Amino acid sequence: MMDYEALAARGFAVARNLIDPADCRALAALWPDQAQFRKHIVMQRHGYGQGEYQYFAYPLPAPVERLRQALYPELARVANAWNEQLGRPQRFPTTLKGWLQQCHEGGQKRPTPLLLRYGPGDYNCLHRDLYGELVFPLQATILLSTPERDFSGGEFMLVEQRPRMQSRGEVVPLGQGDAVIFAVNERPVKGSRGWHRTAMRHGVSSVREGQRFTLGIIFHDAA
């Protein structure tokens, strides 16, 4: 169950045990199956950090497709509330199919869900997952490995850049199968003069030992 009050108040929320351990292991085991993926990225080659990730190809593996479909409707309601608070006219469709149709009509046709692998010393620089003009404002990261058994270190991090204030950082503890739902780029914050935007970035601290797998669910496709 997701804490929607936390999502509104802090720009992120944790859904515990979203995936069971067997499914976590099965998803991580997809890593060497190249037929499942459209692109492989080595982070250090691009200055993104250190580690690797692979974008899934369409059709997505069934568990990934189910997650994307199941998470979208509730998050679309949150996204529409955020746009209303910020005075933006855009409203997202009630179904993922409707939203992806808009993405594809706008030239964003490549799937963005991804599998990430980190080893000792690997990390992910603070960033935003923006793949074109059409952006769904929320995304999910699910931890597939077990902390302190499969790996140590590798904490999920969020940094909020507040207007006219210093940035605020958060470390979000996750267990195997837990998902963190968070703002892709920015979120509404209510101040003394009404609602304003605050920018957010996310990343992963250095893994000290072992291997860490995560699944990323992004709802807009890439150009």
Protein backbone atom coordinates (compact mmCIF):
# COMPACT_ATOMS: atom_id res chain seq x y z
CA MET A 1 0.00 0.00 0.00
CA MET A 2 1.35 3.39 -0.97
CA ASP A 3 1.29 6.40 1.36
CA TYR A 4 -0.25 9.06 -0.89
CA GLU A 5 -0.01 11.67 1.85
CA ALA A 6 3.78 11.16 1.94
CA LEU A 7 3.90 11.39 -1.85
CA ALA A 8 2.12 14.73 -1.74
CA ALA A 9 4.07 16.07 1.24
CA ARG A 10 7.58 14.88 0.36
CA GLY A 11 7.58 14.03 -3.35
CA PHE A 12 8.13 10.32 -2.71
CA ALA A 13 6.51 7.34 -1.01
CA VAL A 14 7.50 3.73 -0.37
CA ALA A 15 5.30 0.76 -1.24
CA ARG A 16 6.51 -2.18 0.86
CA ASN A 17 6.66 -5.72 -0.57
CA LEU A 18 5.33 -4.73 -3.96
CA ILE A 19 7.08 -7.76 -5.49
CA ASP A 20 7.66 -11.05 -3.68
CA PRO A 21 11.21 -12.49 -3.35
CA ALA A 22 10.73 -15.16 -6.03
CA ASP A 23 9.62 -12.58 -8.58
CA CYS A 24 12.52 -10.31 -7.59
CA ARG A 25 14.98 -13.10 -8.29
CA ALA A 26 13.27 -13.96 -11.58
CA LEU A 27 13.44 -10.36 -12.78
CA ALA A 28 17.12 -10.02 -11.84
CA ALA A 29 17.81 -13.29 -13.68
CA LEU A 30 16.66 -11.68 -16.95
CA TRP A 31 19.91 -9.66 -17.06
CA PRO A 32 21.88 -11.99 -19.42
CA ASP A 33 18.92 -12.62 -21.78
CA GLN A 34 19.70 -10.11 -24.51
CA ALA A 35 16.47 -10.87 -26.37
CA GLN A 36 14.60 -9.04 -23.57
CA PHE A 37 16.39 -5.71 -24.08
CA ARG A 38 16.73 -3.01 -26.71
CA LYS A 39 19.79 -1.16 -25.36
CA HIS A 40 22.66 -1.67 -22.91
CA ILE A 41 24.27 1.34 -21.18
CA VAL A 42 27.62 1.36 -19.34
CA MET A 43 27.28 4.42 -17.09
CA GLN A 44 30.92 5.50 -16.91
CA ARG A 45 31.12 5.85 -20.70
CA HIS A 46 28.56 8.66 -20.50
CA GLY A 47 29.49 10.27 -17.19
CA TYR A 48 26.34 8.95 -15.54
CA GLY A 49 28.20 7.21 -12.71
CA GLN A 50 29.44 3.63 -12.59
CA GLY A 51 27.37 0.54 -13.25
CA GLU A 52 25.17 -0.77 -16.05
CA TYR A 53 21.55 -0.75 -17.12
CA GLN A 54 19.48 -2.20 -19.91
CA TYR A 55 16.22 -0.91 -21.40
CA PHE A 56 13.60 -3.57 -22.00
CA ALA A 57 12.26 -4.05 -25.51
CA TYR A 58 8.61 -4.25 -26.47
CA PRO A 59 6.78 -6.45 -25.73
CA LEU A 60 7.82 -6.00 -22.11
CA PRO A 61 8.24 -9.10 -19.94
CA ALA A 62 4.86 -9.96 -18.44
CA PRO A 63 5.73 -9.01 -14.81
CA VAL A 64 7.08 -5.62 -15.93
CA GLU A 65 4.02 -4.96 -18.10
CA ARG A 66 1.68 -5.87 -15.23
CA LEU A 67 3.47 -3.52 -12.85
CA ARG A 68 3.44 -0.65 -15.29
CA GLN A 69 -0.27 -1.14 -16.00
CA ALA A 70 -1.19 -1.57 -12.31
CA LEU A 71 0.71 1.46 -11.01
CA TYR A 72 -0.32 3.96 -13.67
CA PRO A 73 -4.01 4.70 -12.87
CA GLU A 74 -3.48 5.82 -9.26
CA LEU A 75 -0.35 7.75 -10.19
CA ALA A 76 -2.23 9.47 -13.03
CA ARG A 77 -4.68 10.81 -10.46
CA VAL A 78 -1.78 12.18 -8.42
CA ALA A 79 -0.17 13.63 -11.55
CA ASN A 80 -3.40 15.38 -12.54
CA ALA A 81 -3.76 16.83 -9.04
CA TRP A 82 -0.19 18.13 -9.24
CA ASN A 83 -0.86 19.78 -12.60
CA GLU A 84 -4.01 21.38 -11.23
CA GLN A 85 -2.08 22.76 -8.23
CA LEU A 86 0.57 24.20 -10.56
CA GLY A 87 -2.01 25.72 -12.91
CA ARG A 88 -1.10 23.50 -15.84
CA PRO A 89 -3.82 22.56 -18.34
CA GLN A 90 -2.47 19.09 -19.18
CA ARG A 91 -4.42 16.13 -17.81
CA PHE A 92 -3.20 12.56 -18.16
CA PRO A 93 -5.48 9.80 -19.51
CA THR A 94 -6.95 7.34 -17.03
CA THR A 95 -5.22 4.37 -18.68
CA LEU A 96 -1.61 3.69 -19.56
CA LYS A 97 -2.72 2.73 -23.07
CA GLY A 98 -4.17 6.20 -23.59
CA TRP A 99 -1.03 7.92 -22.30
CA LEU A 100 1.34 5.78 -24.39
CA GLN A 101 -0.75 6.52 -27.46
CA GLN A 102 -0.07 10.21 -26.86
CA CYS A 103 3.65 9.46 -26.44
CA HIS A 104 3.78 7.46 -29.65
CA GLU A 105 1.87 10.08 -31.60
CA GLY A 106 4.44 12.59 -30.33
CA GLY A 107 7.32 10.48 -31.65
CA GLN A 108 8.24 8.86 -28.31
CA LYS A 109 7.95 5.16 -29.13
CA ARG A 110 10.85 3.40 -27.39
CA PRO A 111 10.11 1.63 -24.08
CA THR A 112 11.83 3.03 -20.98
CA PRO A 113 11.40 0.40 -18.20
CA LEU A 114 14.90 -0.80 -17.32
CA LEU A 115 16.94 -3.25 -15.29
CA LEU A 116 19.98 -1.83 -13.43
CA ARG A 117 23.01 -3.71 -12.09
CA TYR A 118 25.59 -2.30 -9.66
CA GLY A 119 28.73 -3.97 -8.34
CA PRO A 120 31.38 -2.90 -5.79
CA GLY A 121 32.21 0.79 -6.19
CA ASP A 122 29.31 1.44 -8.57
CA TYR A 123 26.96 4.41 -8.11
CA ASN A 124 24.43 6.49 -10.04
CA CYS A 125 24.85 10.27 -10.27
CA LEU A 126 21.90 12.50 -9.39
CA HIS A 127 19.74 12.84 -12.48
CA ARG A 128 16.25 13.05 -13.98
CA ASP A 129 14.78 10.51 -16.41
CA LEU A 130 13.54 12.78 -19.19
CA TYR A 131 13.32 11.23 -22.66
CA GLY A 132 11.43 13.82 -24.71
CA GLU A 133 8.91 16.62 -24.45
CA LEU A 134 6.19 14.32 -23.08
CA VAL A 135 6.92 13.47 -19.45
CA PHE A 136 4.84 11.62 -16.89
CA PRO A 137 5.77 13.25 -13.56
CA LEU A 138 6.10 10.12 -11.40
CA GLN A 139 8.12 6.92 -11.65
CA ALA A 140 8.98 3.84 -9.59
CA THR A 141 12.17 2.02 -8.63
CA ILE A 142 11.90 -1.47 -7.13
CA LEU A 143 14.80 -3.07 -5.27
CA LEU A 144 15.29 -6.68 -6.44
CA SER A 145 18.25 -7.58 -4.20
CA THR A 146 18.40 -7.99 -0.42
CA PRO A 147 20.40 -5.35 1.51
CA GLU A 148 23.20 -6.68 3.74
CA ARG A 149 22.89 -10.12 2.15
CA ASP A 150 23.35 -9.50 -1.56
CA PHE A 151 25.05 -6.11 -1.22
CA SER A 152 25.96 -3.30 1.18
CA GLY A 153 25.84 0.45 0.53
CA GLY A 154 23.92 1.46 -2.59
CA GLU A 155 21.30 3.63 -0.87
CA PHE A 156 18.60 5.26 -2.97
CA MET A 157 18.93 9.06 -2.73
CA LEU A 158 16.69 12.01 -3.54
CA VAL A 159 17.68 15.68 -3.60
CA GLU A 160 15.11 18.46 -3.67
CA GLN A 161 16.23 21.85 -4.99
CA ARG A 162 14.04 24.31 -3.12
CA PRO A 163 13.58 27.85 -4.48
CA ARG A 164 15.72 30.43 -2.66
CA MET A 165 16.79 27.75 -0.14
CA GLN A 166 19.53 25.17 0.13
CA SER A 167 18.87 21.73 -1.34
CA ARG A 168 17.49 18.99 0.89
CA GLY A 169 18.62 15.36 0.60
CA GLU A 170 16.82 12.15 1.52
CA VAL A 171 18.11 8.60 1.82
CA VAL A 172 15.25 6.14 1.28
CA PRO A 173 15.80 2.73 2.93
CA LEU A 174 14.41 -0.14 0.86
CA GLY A 175 14.08 -3.87 1.37
CA GLN A 176 13.86 -6.52 -1.31
CA GLY A 177 10.63 -6.05 -3.26
CA ASP A 178 10.01 -2.52 -1.95
CA ALA A 179 9.24 0.25 -4.42
CA VAL A 180 9.94 3.94 -4.07
CA ILE A 181 7.54 6.14 -6.04
CA PHE A 182 8.94 9.61 -6.68
CA ALA A 183 8.81 12.76 -8.75
CA VAL A 184 10.64 12.50 -12.07
CA ASN A 185 11.48 16.17 -12.40
CA GLU A 186 9.49 18.51 -10.16
CA ARG A 187 6.55 18.57 -7.81
CA PRO A 188 4.18 21.15 -6.30
CA VAL A 189 4.93 22.58 -2.86
CA LYS A 190 2.54 24.89 -1.04
CA GLY A 191 4.11 28.06 0.31
CA SER A 192 2.80 31.23 1.89
CA ARG A 193 1.87 32.60 -1.55
CA GLY A 194 0.32 29.47 -2.96
CA TRP A 195 1.72 26.55 -4.93
CA HIS A 196 5.15 26.60 -6.53
CA ARG A 197 7.43 24.09 -8.26
CA THR A 198 10.43 22.43 -6.66
CA ALA A 199 12.90 20.35 -8.68
CA MET A 200 13.97 16.83 -7.70
CA ARG A 201 16.78 14.52 -8.77
CA HIS A 202 17.56 10.95 -7.76
CA GLY A 203 20.59 8.66 -7.65
CA VAL A 204 22.29 5.78 -5.85
CA SER A 205 25.22 5.97 -3.43
CA SER A 206 28.30 3.75 -3.88
CA VAL A 207 27.86 0.02 -3.45
CA ARG A 208 30.47 -1.25 -1.01
CA GLU A 209 30.15 -4.99 -1.55
CA GLY A 210 28.12 -7.46 -3.59
CA GLN A 211 25.69 -6.90 -6.43
CA ARG A 212 22.56 -4.75 -6.45
CA PHE A 213 19.74 -5.15 -9.01
CA THR A 214 16.82 -2.74 -9.39
CA LEU A 215 13.88 -2.44 -11.74
CA GLY A 216 12.92 1.02 -12.98
CA ILE A 217 9.35 1.71 -14.15
CA ILE A 218 9.07 4.90 -16.20
CA PHE A 219 5.69 5.72 -17.74
CA HIS A 220 6.68 7.91 -20.69
CA ASP A 221 8.41 6.31 -23.66
CA ALA A 222 11.55 7.75 -25.29
CA ALA A 223 12.01 9.66 -28.52
